[in-house]
Amino acid sequence: MQVKVRNNNVESALRVFKKKSSEVIFEVRERESYKSPSAKRHRAKKSAVARERRRQSTQVHPRRDRKF
């Protein structure tokens, strides 16, 4: 893996290197052990639910005027 340093800007080159290496490390960790297809589906569903919760929490909900 190579990262070019442009205009002696080592900080940005280091940031690019970390981003590239994190992708590789993630893939290695994924392949470290066998996961059954049902476990993969379970993990994917769990992450989808978490994403939806985060999305719902950031949305602005209009306030209802309730008359009792």
C-alpha atoms as a PDB file:
ATOM      1  CA  MET A   1       0.000   0.000   0.000  1.00  0.00           C
ATOM      2  CA  GLN A   2       1.423   3.358  -1.015  1.00  0.00           C
ATOM      3  CA  VAL A   3       0.433   6.879  -0.140  1.00  0.00           C
ATOM      4  CA  LYS A   4       1.981   9.847  -1.900  1.00  0.00           C
ATOM      5  CA  VAL A   5       2.982  12.893   0.136  1.00  0.00           C
ATOM      6  CA  ARG A   6       2.199  16.044  -1.800  1.00  0.00           C
ATOM      7  CA  ASN A   7       3.676  19.445  -0.995  1.00  0.00           C
ATOM      8  CA  ASN A   8       5.325  18.054   2.148  1.00  0.00           C
ATOM      9  CA  ASN A   9       1.860  17.638   3.689  1.00  0.00           C
ATOM     10  CA  VAL A  10       2.492  14.611   5.882  1.00  0.00           C
ATOM     11  CA  GLU A  11      -0.680  15.097   7.972  1.00  0.00           C
ATOM     12  CA  SER A  12      -3.034  14.616   5.043  1.00  0.00           C
ATOM     13  CA  ALA A  13      -0.977  11.675   3.768  1.00  0.00           C
ATOM     14  CA  LEU A  14      -1.196  10.058   7.196  1.00  0.00           C
ATOM     15  CA  ARG A  15      -4.969  10.577   7.226  1.00  0.00           C
ATOM     16  CA  VAL A  16      -5.267   8.896   3.813  1.00  0.00           C
ATOM     17  CA  PHE A  17      -3.065   6.019   4.971  1.00  0.00           C
ATOM     18  CA  LYS A  18      -5.174   5.459   8.091  1.00  0.00           C
ATOM     19  CA  LYS A  19      -8.357   5.414   6.020  1.00  0.00           C
ATOM     20  CA  LYS A  20      -6.924   2.884   3.561  1.00  0.00           C
ATOM     21  CA  SER A  21      -5.488   0.671   6.274  1.00  0.00           C
ATOM     22  CA  SER A  22      -8.718   0.688   8.309  1.00  0.00           C
ATOM     23  CA  GLU A  23     -10.564  -0.859   5.362  1.00  0.00           C
ATOM     24  CA  VAL A  24      -7.980  -3.634   5.132  1.00  0.00           C
ATOM     25  CA  ILE A  25      -8.023  -4.253   8.887  1.00  0.00           C
ATOM     26  CA  PHE A  26     -11.828  -4.459   8.870  1.00  0.00           C
ATOM     27  CA  GLU A  27     -11.761  -7.063   6.116  1.00  0.00           C
ATOM     28  CA  VAL A  28      -9.112  -9.131   7.923  1.00  0.00           C
ATOM     29  CA  ARG A  29     -11.168  -9.106  11.118  1.00  0.00           C
ATOM     30  CA  GLU A  30     -14.259 -10.177   9.179  1.00  0.00           C
ATOM     31  CA  ARG A  31     -12.420 -13.139   7.668  1.00  0.00           C
ATOM     32  CA  GLU A  32     -10.729 -14.141  10.929  1.00  0.00           C
ATOM     33  CA  SER A  33     -13.428 -16.608  11.903  1.00  0.00           C
ATOM     34  CA  TYR A  34     -16.286 -18.353  10.154  1.00  0.00           C
ATOM     35  CA  LYS A  35     -19.726 -16.832  10.567  1.00  0.00           C
ATOM     36  CA  SER A  36     -22.773 -18.783   9.524  1.00  0.00           C
ATOM     37  CA  PRO A  37     -25.138 -17.185   7.012  1.00  0.00           C
ATOM     38  CA  SER A  38     -27.827 -16.819   9.662  1.00  0.00           C
ATOM     39  CA  ALA A  39     -25.371 -15.015  11.956  1.00  0.00           C
ATOM     40  CA  LYS A  40     -24.472 -12.666   9.090  1.00  0.00           C
ATOM     41  CA  ARG A  41     -28.158 -11.906   8.496  1.00  0.00           C
ATOM     42  CA  HIS A  42     -28.715 -11.346  12.212  1.00  0.00           C
ATOM     43  CA  ARG A  43     -25.786  -8.928  12.375  1.00  0.00           C
ATOM     44  CA  ALA A  44     -26.954  -7.072   9.259  1.00  0.00           C
ATOM     45  CA  LYS A  45     -30.481  -6.718  10.641  1.00  0.00           C
ATOM     46  CA  LYS A  46     -29.151  -5.496  13.980  1.00  0.00           C
ATOM     47  CA  SER A  47     -27.020  -2.827  12.310  1.00  0.00           C
ATOM     48  CA  ALA A  48     -29.958  -1.773  10.103  1.00  0.00           C
ATOM     49  CA  VAL A  49     -32.152  -1.308  13.183  1.00  0.00           C
ATOM     50  CA  ALA A  50     -29.435   0.762  14.851  1.00  0.00           C
ATOM     51  CA  ARG A  51     -29.064   2.935  11.732  1.00  0.00           C
ATOM     52  CA  GLU A  52     -32.812   3.513  11.609  1.00  0.00           C
ATOM     53  CA  ARG A  53     -32.891   4.464  15.297  1.00  0.00           C
ATOM     54  CA  ARG A  54     -30.108   6.987  14.745  1.00  0.00           C
ATOM     55  CA  ARG A  55     -31.910   8.382  11.694  1.00  0.00           C
ATOM     56  CA  GLN A  56     -35.192   8.668  13.611  1.00  0.00           C
ATOM     57  CA  SER A  57     -33.545  10.383  16.566  1.00  0.00           C
ATOM     58  CA  THR A  58     -32.004  13.100  14.391  1.00  0.00           C
ATOM     59  CA  GLN A  59     -35.245  13.957  12.581  1.00  0.00           C
ATOM     60  CA  VAL A  60     -37.312  16.851  13.816  1.00  0.00           C
ATOM     61  CA  HIS A  61     -40.823  15.764  14.684  1.00  0.00           C
ATOM     62  CA  PRO A  62     -43.591  18.337  14.546  1.00  0.00           C
ATOM     63  CA  ARG A  63     -45.218  18.917  17.883  1.00  0.00           C
ATOM     64  CA  ARG A  64     -48.819  17.837  18.109  1.00  0.00           C
ATOM     65  CA  ASP A  65     -51.322  20.137  19.695  1.00  0.00           C
ATOM     66  CA  ARG A  66     -53.506  17.859  21.755  1.00  0.00           C
ATOM     67  CA  LYS A  67     -56.769  19.154  23.056  1.00  0.00           C
ATOM     68  CA  PHE A  68     -58.214  17.138  25.869  1.00  0.00           C
END
